[in-house]
PDB file of N, CA and C in Angstrom:
ATOM      1  N   MET A   1       0.894  -1.171   0.033  1.00  0.00           N
ATOM      2  CA  MET A   1      -0.040   0.002   0.062  1.00  0.00           C
ATOM      3  C   MET A   1       0.828   1.323  -0.013  1.00  0.00           C
ATOM      4  N   ALA A   2       0.514   2.275  -0.909  1.00  0.00           N
ATOM      5  CA  ALA A   2       1.319   3.415  -0.914  1.00  0.00           C
ATOM      6  C   ALA A   2       1.233   4.246   0.238  1.00  0.00           C
ATOM      7  N   LYS A   3       2.225   4.800   0.698  1.00  0.00           N
ATOM      8  CA  LYS A   3       2.267   5.675   1.951  1.00  0.00           C
ATOM      9  C   LYS A   3       1.733   7.036   1.530  1.00  0.00           C
ATOM     10  N   LYS A   4       0.758   7.554   2.314  1.00  0.00           N
ATOM     11  CA  LYS A   4       0.190   8.942   1.948  1.00  0.00           C
ATOM     12  C   LYS A   4       1.117  10.052   2.473  1.00  0.00           C
ATOM     13  N   LYS A   5       1.344  10.961   1.651  1.00  0.00           N
ATOM     14  CA  LYS A   5       2.271  11.960   2.024  1.00  0.00           C
ATOM     15  C   LYS A   5       1.649  12.935   2.997  1.00  0.00           C
ATOM     16  N   LYS A   6       2.359  13.335   3.921  1.00  0.00           N
ATOM     17  CA  LYS A   6       1.848  14.381   4.936  1.00  0.00           C
ATOM     18  C   LYS A   6       1.906  15.792   4.314  1.00  0.00           C
ATOM     19  N   LYS A   7       0.696  16.454   4.448  1.00  0.00           N
ATOM     20  CA  LYS A   7       0.639  17.790   3.944  1.00  0.00           C
ATOM     21  C   LYS A   7       1.237  18.722   4.880  1.00  0.00           C
ATOM     22  N   VAL A   8       2.044  19.693   4.399  1.00  0.00           N
ATOM     23  CA  VAL A   8       2.782  20.656   5.249  1.00  0.00           C
ATOM     24  C   VAL A   8       2.266  22.051   4.871  1.00  0.00           C
ATOM     25  N   ASP A   9       1.961  22.776   5.983  1.00  0.00           N
ATOM     26  CA  ASP A   9       1.442  24.091   5.700  1.00  0.00           C
ATOM     27  C   ASP A   9       2.418  25.003   5.327  1.00  0.00           C
ATOM     28  N   VAL A  10       2.294  25.567   4.083  1.00  0.00           N
ATOM     29  CA  VAL A  10       3.186  26.358   3.488  1.00  0.00           C
ATOM     30  C   VAL A  10       3.680  27.639   4.315  1.00  0.00           C
ATOM     31  N   ARG A  11       2.754  28.174   5.102  1.00  0.00           N
ATOM     32  CA  ARG A  11       2.956  29.277   5.952  1.00  0.00           C
ATOM     33  C   ARG A  11       3.951  28.943   7.155  1.00  0.00           C
ATOM     34  N   ARG A  12       4.209  27.626   7.286  1.00  0.00           N
ATOM     35  CA  ARG A  12       5.047  27.277   8.495  1.00  0.00           C
ATOM     36  C   ARG A  12       6.401  26.733   8.024  1.00  0.00           C
ATOM     37  N   ARG A  13       6.594  26.736   6.696  1.00  0.00           N
ATOM     38  CA  ARG A  13       7.813  26.311   6.056  1.00  0.00           C
ATOM     39  C   ARG A  13       8.963  27.413   6.322  1.00  0.00           C
ATOM     40  N   PRO A  14      10.214  26.993   6.346  1.00  0.00           N
ATOM     41  CA  PRO A  14      11.194  27.951   6.698  1.00  0.00           C
ATOM     42  C   PRO A  14      11.755  28.702   5.467  1.00  0.00           C
ATOM     43  N   TYR A  15      10.792  29.292   4.685  1.00  0.00           N
ATOM     44  CA  TYR A  15      11.256  30.027   3.545  1.00  0.00           C
ATOM     45  C   TYR A  15      11.971  31.337   4.013  1.00  0.00           C
ATOM     46  N   LYS A  16      12.919  31.698   3.244  1.00  0.00           N
ATOM     47  CA  LYS A  16      13.758  32.935   3.592  1.00  0.00           C
ATOM     48  C   LYS A  16      13.704  33.834   2.544  1.00  0.00           C
ATOM     49  N   ILE A  17      12.434  34.196   2.182  1.00  0.00           N
ATOM     50  CA  ILE A  17      12.119  35.167   1.085  1.00  0.00           C
ATOM     51  C   ILE A  17      12.603  36.571   1.545  1.00  0.00           C
ATOM     52  N   GLY A  18      12.401  36.845   2.792  1.00  0.00           N
ATOM     53  CA  GLY A  18      12.842  38.259   3.296  1.00  0.00           C
ATOM     54  C   GLY A  18      14.328  38.413   3.166  1.00  0.00           C
ATOM     55  N   GLU A  19      15.011  37.271   3.397  1.00  0.00           N
ATOM     56  CA  GLU A  19      16.643  37.410   3.283  1.00  0.00           C
ATOM     57  C   GLU A  19      16.948  37.421   1.787  1.00  0.00           C
ATOM     58  N   VAL A  20      16.164  36.763   0.920  1.00  0.00           N
ATOM     59  CA  VAL A  20      16.470  36.837  -0.432  1.00  0.00           C
ATOM     60  C   VAL A  20      16.195  38.247  -1.019  1.00  0.00           C
ATOM     61  N   ALA A  21      15.041  38.824  -0.554  1.00  0.00           N
ATOM     62  CA  ALA A  21      14.714  40.167  -1.022  1.00  0.00           C
ATOM     63  C   ALA A  21      15.606  41.238  -0.595  1.00  0.00           C
ATOM     64  N   LYS A  22      16.373  40.982   0.542  1.00  0.00           N
ATOM     65  CA  LYS A  22      17.314  42.061   0.909  1.00  0.00           C
ATOM     66  C   LYS A  22      18.556  42.185  -0.072  1.00  0.00           C
ATOM     67  N   ASN A  23      18.651  41.191  -0.890  1.00  0.00           N
ATOM     68  CA  ASN A  23      19.784  41.251  -1.881  1.00  0.00           C
ATOM     69  C   ASN A  23      19.312  41.819  -3.329  1.00  0.00           C
ATOM     70  N   MET A  24      18.066  42.243  -3.311  1.00  0.00           N
ATOM     71  CA  MET A  24      17.601  42.682  -4.633  1.00  0.00           C
ATOM     72  C   MET A  24      18.215  44.111  -4.965  1.00  0.00           C
ATOM     73  N   PRO A  25      18.642  44.249  -6.208  1.00  0.00           N
ATOM     74  CA  PRO A  25      19.306  45.570  -6.621  1.00  0.00           C
ATOM     75  C   PRO A  25      18.099  46.509  -6.831  1.00  0.00           C
ATOM     76  N   GLU A  26      18.572  47.764  -7.066  1.00  0.00           N
ATOM     77  CA  GLU A  26      17.601  48.815  -7.311  1.00  0.00           C
ATOM     78  C   GLU A  26      16.872  48.570  -8.668  1.00  0.00           C
ATOM     79  N   LEU A  27      15.564  48.340  -8.658  1.00  0.00           N
ATOM     80  CA  LEU A  27      14.899  47.918  -9.933  1.00  0.00           C
ATOM     81  C   LEU A  27      13.524  48.850 -10.100  1.00  0.00           C
ATOM     82  N   VAL A  28      13.157  48.982 -11.294  1.00  0.00           N
ATOM     83  CA  VAL A  28      11.860  49.811 -11.551  1.00  0.00           C
ATOM     84  C   VAL A  28      10.668  48.866 -11.141  1.00  0.00           C
ATOM     85  N   HIS A  29       9.654  49.504 -10.414  1.00  0.00           N
ATOM     86  CA  HIS A  29       8.424  48.761 -10.147  1.00  0.00           C
ATOM     87  C   HIS A  29       7.234  49.284 -10.987  1.00  0.00           C
ATOM     88  N   LYS A  30       7.403  50.542 -11.347  1.00  0.00           N
ATOM     89  CA  LYS A  30       6.336  51.302 -12.137  1.00  0.00           C
ATOM     90  C   LYS A  30       6.950  52.289 -12.990  1.00  0.00           C
ATOM     91  N   TYR A  31       6.583  52.311 -14.274  1.00  0.00           N
ATOM     92  CA  TYR A  31       6.996  53.341 -15.159  1.00  0.00           C
ATOM     93  C   TYR A  31       5.961  54.459 -15.122  1.00  0.00           C
ATOM     94  N   ASN A  32       6.567  55.724 -15.178  1.00  0.00           N
ATOM     95  CA  ASN A  32       5.733  56.892 -15.113  1.00  0.00           C
ATOM     96  C   ASN A  32       4.773  57.070 -16.236  1.00  0.00           C
ATOM     97  N   TYR A  33       5.224  56.566 -17.407  1.00  0.00           N
ATOM     98  CA  TYR A  33       4.422  56.851 -18.656  1.00  0.00           C
ATOM     99  C   TYR A  33       3.232  55.702 -18.881  1.00  0.00           C
ATOM    100  N   VAL A  34       3.079  54.762 -18.019  1.00  0.00           N
ATOM    101  CA  VAL A  34       2.058  53.828 -18.208  1.00  0.00           C
ATOM    102  C   VAL A  34       1.391  53.475 -16.851  1.00  0.00           C
ATOM    103  N   SER A  35       0.146  53.058 -16.950  1.00  0.00           N
ATOM    104  CA  SER A  35      -0.439  52.600 -15.712  1.00  0.00           C
ATOM    105  C   SER A  35       0.136  51.393 -15.173  1.00  0.00           C
ATOM    106  N   PHE A  36       0.103  51.171 -13.841  1.00  0.00           N
ATOM    107  CA  PHE A  36       0.789  50.066 -13.184  1.00  0.00           C
ATOM    108  C   PHE A  36       0.348  48.710 -13.690  1.00  0.00           C
ATOM    109  N   ASP A  37       1.201  47.854 -13.965  1.00  0.00           N
ATOM    110  CA  ASP A  37       1.065  46.449 -14.421  1.00  0.00           C
ATOM    111  C   ASP A  37       2.021  45.545 -13.821  1.00  0.00           C
ATOM    112  N   ILE A  38       1.725  44.677 -12.978  1.00  0.00           N
ATOM    113  CA  ILE A  38       2.678  43.874 -12.299  1.00  0.00           C
ATOM    114  C   ILE A  38       3.567  43.076 -13.293  1.00  0.00           C
ATOM    115  N   MET A  39       3.085  42.836 -14.434  1.00  0.00           N
ATOM    116  CA  MET A  39       3.848  42.033 -15.466  1.00  0.00           C
ATOM    117  C   MET A  39       5.064  42.856 -16.130  1.00  0.00           C
ATOM    118  N   TYR A  40       5.009  44.135 -15.879  1.00  0.00           N
ATOM    119  CA  TYR A  40       6.195  45.001 -16.338  1.00  0.00           C
ATOM    120  C   TYR A  40       7.031  45.390 -15.228  1.00  0.00           C
ATOM    121  N   SER A  41       6.784  44.943 -13.913  1.00  0.00           N
ATOM    122  CA  SER A  41       7.628  45.351 -12.849  1.00  0.00           C
ATOM    123  C   SER A  41       8.984  44.601 -12.869  1.00  0.00           C
ATOM    124  N   LYS A  42      10.003  45.338 -12.880  1.00  0.00           N
ATOM    125  CA  LYS A  42      11.431  44.537 -12.893  1.00  0.00           C
ATOM    126  C   LYS A  42      11.652  44.089 -11.517  1.00  0.00           C
ATOM    127  N   ALA A  43      11.170  44.733 -10.460  1.00  0.00           N
ATOM    128  CA  ALA A  43      11.327  44.251  -9.119  1.00  0.00           C
ATOM    129  C   ALA A  43      10.626  43.011  -8.960  1.00  0.00           C
ATOM    130  N   ALA A  44       9.324  42.885  -9.379  1.00  0.00           N
ATOM    131  CA  ALA A  44       8.668  41.622  -9.264  1.00  0.00           C
ATOM    132  C   ALA A  44       9.243  40.527 -10.079  1.00  0.00           C
ATOM    133  N   GLU A  45       9.762  40.831 -11.243  1.00  0.00           N
ATOM    134  CA  GLU A  45      10.452  39.877 -12.143  1.00  0.00           C
ATOM    135  C   GLU A  45      11.695  39.323 -11.481  1.00  0.00           C
ATOM    136  N   TRP A  46      12.465  40.219 -10.799  1.00  0.00           N
ATOM    137  CA  TRP A  46      13.628  39.727 -10.094  1.00  0.00           C
ATOM    138  C   TRP A  46      13.346  38.694  -9.019  1.00  0.00           C
ATOM    139  N   LEU A  47      12.347  39.095  -8.227  1.00  0.00           N
ATOM    140  CA  LEU A  47      11.856  38.256  -7.082  1.00  0.00           C
ATOM    141  C   LEU A  47      11.344  36.891  -7.597  1.00  0.00           C
ATOM    142  N   SER A  48      10.585  36.933  -8.654  1.00  0.00           N
ATOM    143  CA  SER A  48      10.001  35.638  -9.190  1.00  0.00           C
ATOM    144  C   SER A  48      11.072  34.736  -9.788  1.00  0.00           C
ATOM    145  N   ASN A  49      12.163  35.296 -10.172  1.00  0.00           N
ATOM    146  CA  ASN A  49      13.318  34.469 -10.649  1.00  0.00           C
ATOM    147  C   ASN A  49      14.248  33.980  -9.620  1.00  0.00           C
ATOM    148  N   GLN A  50      13.911  34.258  -8.359  1.00  0.00           N
ATOM    149  CA  GLN A  50      14.776  33.641  -7.269  1.00  0.00           C
ATOM    150  C   GLN A  50      14.244  32.312  -6.996  1.00  0.00           C
ATOM    151  N   PRO A  51      15.195  31.296  -6.798  1.00  0.00           N
ATOM    152  CA  PRO A  51      14.732  29.935  -6.525  1.00  0.00           C
ATOM    153  C   PRO A  51      13.819  29.797  -5.288  1.00  0.00           C
ATOM    154  N   GLU A  52      14.173  30.589  -4.256  1.00  0.00           N
ATOM    155  CA  GLU A  52      13.412  30.438  -2.976  1.00  0.00           C
ATOM    156  C   GLU A  52      11.964  30.833  -3.127  1.00  0.00           C
ATOM    157  N   CYS A  53      11.828  31.909  -3.942  1.00  0.00           N
ATOM    158  CA  CYS A  53      10.378  32.428  -4.217  1.00  0.00           C
ATOM    159  C   CYS A  53       9.712  31.429  -5.174  1.00  0.00           C
ATOM    160  N   ARG A  54      10.392  30.859  -6.078  1.00  0.00           N
ATOM    161  CA  ARG A  54       9.755  29.791  -6.957  1.00  0.00           C
ATOM    162  C   ARG A  54       9.404  28.677  -6.141  1.00  0.00           C
ATOM    163  N   ARG A  55      10.190  28.270  -5.292  1.00  0.00           N
ATOM    164  CA  ARG A  55       9.798  26.975  -4.430  1.00  0.00           C
ATOM    165  C   ARG A  55       8.653  27.258  -3.518  1.00  0.00           C
ATOM    166  N   MET A  56       8.569  28.408  -2.953  1.00  0.00           N
ATOM    167  CA  MET A  56       7.431  28.797  -2.072  1.00  0.00           C
ATOM    168  C   MET A  56       6.138  28.819  -3.022  1.00  0.00           C
ATOM    169  N   LEU A  57       6.196  29.487  -4.087  1.00  0.00           N
ATOM    170  CA  LEU A  57       4.988  29.642  -5.000  1.00  0.00           C
ATOM    171  C   LEU A  57       4.478  28.195  -5.483  1.00  0.00           C
ATOM    172  N   PHE A  58       5.463  27.349  -5.876  1.00  0.00           N
ATOM    173  CA  PHE A  58       5.032  26.006  -6.276  1.00  0.00           C
ATOM    174  C   PHE A  58       4.388  25.289  -5.086  1.00  0.00           C
ATOM    175  N   ALA A  59       5.049  25.335  -3.995  1.00  0.00           N
ATOM    176  CA  ALA A  59       4.536  24.550  -2.877  1.00  0.00           C
ATOM    177  C   ALA A  59       3.175  24.988  -2.462  1.00  0.00           C
ATOM    178  N   TRP A  60       2.940  26.399  -2.489  1.00  0.00           N
ATOM    179  CA  TRP A  60       1.677  26.993  -2.172  1.00  0.00           C
ATOM    180  C   TRP A  60       0.584  26.484  -3.226  1.00  0.00           C
ATOM    181  N   ALA A  61       0.887  26.504  -4.571  1.00  0.00           N
ATOM    182  CA  ALA A  61      -0.124  26.025  -5.513  1.00  0.00           C
ATOM    183  C   ALA A  61      -0.434  24.584  -5.364  1.00  0.00           C
ATOM    184  N   LYS A  62       0.616  23.813  -4.978  1.00  0.00           N
ATOM    185  CA  LYS A  62       0.408  22.422  -4.739  1.00  0.00           C
ATOM    186  C   LYS A  62      -0.477  22.127  -3.593  1.00  0.00           C
ATOM    187  N   GLU A  63      -0.119  22.664  -2.500  1.00  0.00           N
ATOM    188  CA  GLU A  63      -0.798  22.519  -1.141  1.00  0.00           C
ATOM    189  C   GLU A  63      -2.237  22.922  -1.272  1.00  0.00           C
ATOM    190  N   LYS A  64      -2.514  24.042  -2.069  1.00  0.00           N
ATOM    191  CA  LYS A  64      -3.928  24.584  -2.099  1.00  0.00           C
ATOM    192  C   LYS A  64      -4.699  23.742  -3.134  1.00  0.00           C
ATOM    193  N   GLY A  65      -4.132  22.865  -3.802  1.00  0.00           N
ATOM    194  CA  GLY A  65      -4.997  21.957  -4.730  1.00  0.00           C
ATOM    195  C   GLY A  65      -5.043  22.669  -6.140  1.00  0.00           C
ATOM    196  N   GLY A  66      -4.331  23.758  -6.292  1.00  0.00           N
ATOM    197  CA  GLY A  66      -4.461  24.486  -7.663  1.00  0.00           C
ATOM    198  C   GLY A  66      -3.765  23.707  -8.856  1.00  0.00           C
ATOM    199  N   ILE A  67      -2.740  22.794  -8.465  1.00  0.00           N
ATOM    200  CA  ILE A  67      -2.150  22.180  -9.527  1.00  0.00           C
ATOM    201  C   ILE A  67      -2.068  20.540  -9.014  1.00  0.00           C
ATOM    202  N   ILE A  68      -2.161  19.751 -10.032  1.00  0.00           N
ATOM    203  CA  ILE A  68      -2.331  18.319  -9.725  1.00  0.00           C
ATOM    204  C   ILE A  68      -1.241  17.453 -10.491  1.00  0.00           C
ATOM    205  N   TYR A  69      -0.612  16.580  -9.960  1.00  0.00           N
ATOM    206  CA  TYR A  69       0.489  15.891 -10.501  1.00  0.00           C
ATOM    207  C   TYR A  69       0.013  14.555 -11.184  1.00  0.00           C
ATOM    208  N   ASP A  70       0.373  14.325 -12.379  1.00  0.00           N
ATOM    209  CA  ASP A  70      -0.050  13.004 -13.075  1.00  0.00           C
ATOM    210  C   ASP A  70       1.163  12.121 -13.072  1.00  0.00           C
ATOM    211  N   GLU A  71       1.151  11.066 -12.286  1.00  0.00           N
ATOM    212  CA  GLU A  71       2.293  10.149 -12.150  1.00  0.00           C
ATOM    213  C   GLU A  71       2.653   9.518 -13.475  1.00  0.00           C
ATOM    214  N   LYS A  72       1.634   9.083 -14.188  1.00  0.00           N
ATOM    215  CA  LYS A  72       1.902   8.493 -15.508  1.00  0.00           C
ATOM    216  C   LYS A  72       2.675   9.309 -16.463  1.00  0.00           C
ATOM    217  N   LYS A  73       2.283  10.521 -16.553  1.00  0.00           N
ATOM    218  CA  LYS A  73       2.946  11.551 -17.569  1.00  0.00           C
ATOM    219  C   LYS A  73       4.195  12.178 -17.019  1.00  0.00           C
ATOM    220  N   GLY A  74       4.221  12.332 -15.607  1.00  0.00           N
ATOM    221  CA  GLY A  74       5.284  13.083 -14.913  1.00  0.00           C
ATOM    222  C   GLY A  74       5.078  14.487 -15.083  1.00  0.00           C
ATOM    223  N   THR A  75       3.784  15.003 -15.207  1.00  0.00           N
ATOM    224  CA  THR A  75       3.466  16.406 -15.344  1.00  0.00           C
ATOM    225  C   THR A  75       2.497  17.027 -14.440  1.00  0.00           C
ATOM    226  N   TRP A  76       2.535  18.357 -14.273  1.00  0.00           N
ATOM    227  CA  TRP A  76       1.708  18.993 -13.367  1.00  0.00           C
ATOM    228  C   TRP A  76       0.693  19.805 -14.300  1.00  0.00           C
ATOM    229  N   THR A  77      -0.580  19.850 -13.894  1.00  0.00           N
ATOM    230  CA  THR A  77      -1.608  20.553 -14.593  1.00  0.00           C
ATOM    231  C   THR A  77      -2.491  21.302 -13.616  1.00  0.00           C
ATOM    232  N   GLY A  78      -3.045  22.496 -14.087  1.00  0.00           N
ATOM    233  CA  GLY A  78      -3.987  23.194 -13.294  1.00  0.00           C
ATOM    234  C   GLY A  78      -5.296  22.465 -13.092  1.00  0.00           C
ATOM    235  N   LYS A  79      -5.749  22.562 -11.946  1.00  0.00           N
ATOM    236  CA  LYS A  79      -7.044  21.896 -11.514  1.00  0.00           C
ATOM    237  C   LYS A  79      -8.210  22.153 -12.495  1.00  0.00           C
ATOM    238  N   ASN A  80      -8.349  23.549 -12.854  1.00  0.00           N
ATOM    239  CA  ASN A  80      -9.412  23.916 -13.695  1.00  0.00           C
ATOM    240  C   ASN A  80      -9.158  23.328 -15.136  1.00  0.00           C
ATOM    241  N   VAL A  81      -7.997  23.218 -15.609  1.00  0.00           N
ATOM    242  CA  VAL A  81      -7.714  22.597 -16.959  1.00  0.00           C
ATOM    243  C   VAL A  81      -8.179  21.157 -16.913  1.00  0.00           C
ATOM    244  N   LEU A  82      -7.887  20.466 -15.846  1.00  0.00           N
ATOM    245  CA  LEU A  82      -8.269  19.141 -15.790  1.00  0.00           C
ATOM    246  C   LEU A  82      -9.720  18.907 -15.697  1.00  0.00           C
ATOM    247  N   GLU A  83     -10.391  19.859 -15.124  1.00  0.00           N
ATOM    248  CA  GLU A  83     -11.873  19.845 -14.982  1.00  0.00           C
ATOM    249  C   GLU A  83     -12.484  20.103 -16.334  1.00  0.00           C
ATOM    250  N   ASP A  84     -11.881  20.999 -17.081  1.00  0.00           N
ATOM    251  CA  ASP A  84     -12.311  21.316 -18.432  1.00  0.00           C
ATOM    252  C   ASP A  84     -12.148  20.166 -19.319  1.00  0.00           C
ATOM    253  N   LEU A  85     -11.146  19.429 -19.162  1.00  0.00           N
ATOM    254  CA  LEU A  85     -10.822  18.333 -20.111  1.00  0.00           C
ATOM    255  C   LEU A  85     -11.847  17.218 -19.665  1.00  0.00           C
ATOM    256  N   ASP A  86     -12.223  16.997 -18.518  1.00  0.00           N
ATOM    257  CA  ASP A  86     -13.120  16.017 -18.079  1.00  0.00           C
ATOM    258  C   ASP A  86     -14.544  16.266 -18.603  1.00  0.00           C
ATOM    259  N   PHE A  87     -14.845  17.558 -18.734  1.00  0.00           N
ATOM    260  CA  PHE A  87     -16.074  18.125 -19.169  1.00  0.00           C
ATOM    261  C   PHE A  87     -16.277  17.710 -20.666  1.00  0.00           C
ATOM    262  N   LEU A  88     -15.166  17.788 -21.407  1.00  0.00           N
ATOM    263  CA  LEU A  88     -15.038  17.570 -22.821  1.00  0.00           C
ATOM    264  C   LEU A  88     -15.287  16.066 -23.177  1.00  0.00           C
ATOM    265  N   LYS A  89     -14.993  15.230 -22.211  1.00  0.00           N
ATOM    266  CA  LYS A  89     -15.052  13.758 -22.543  1.00  0.00           C
ATOM    267  C   LYS A  89     -16.459  13.290 -22.833  1.00  0.00           C
TER     268      LYS A  89
END
């Protein structure tokens, strides 16, 4: 019988994002000539490219059930995408 994995609360994991953020260089967050859009923030881009931030984001999405792992394919898929695919069958 397969052993069930214990869920770990992402909020209690020892992520050190604050320590990572302390090393961020000076970066633009909003350009004066356009309305704010997080997708153009160089500060947000830098943070999202840090391994610690990516680990936390992935763990959070997994824990909250937003993404589901397919052992046969070895892939992760968004829960809503899977529900849409089931609907089409």
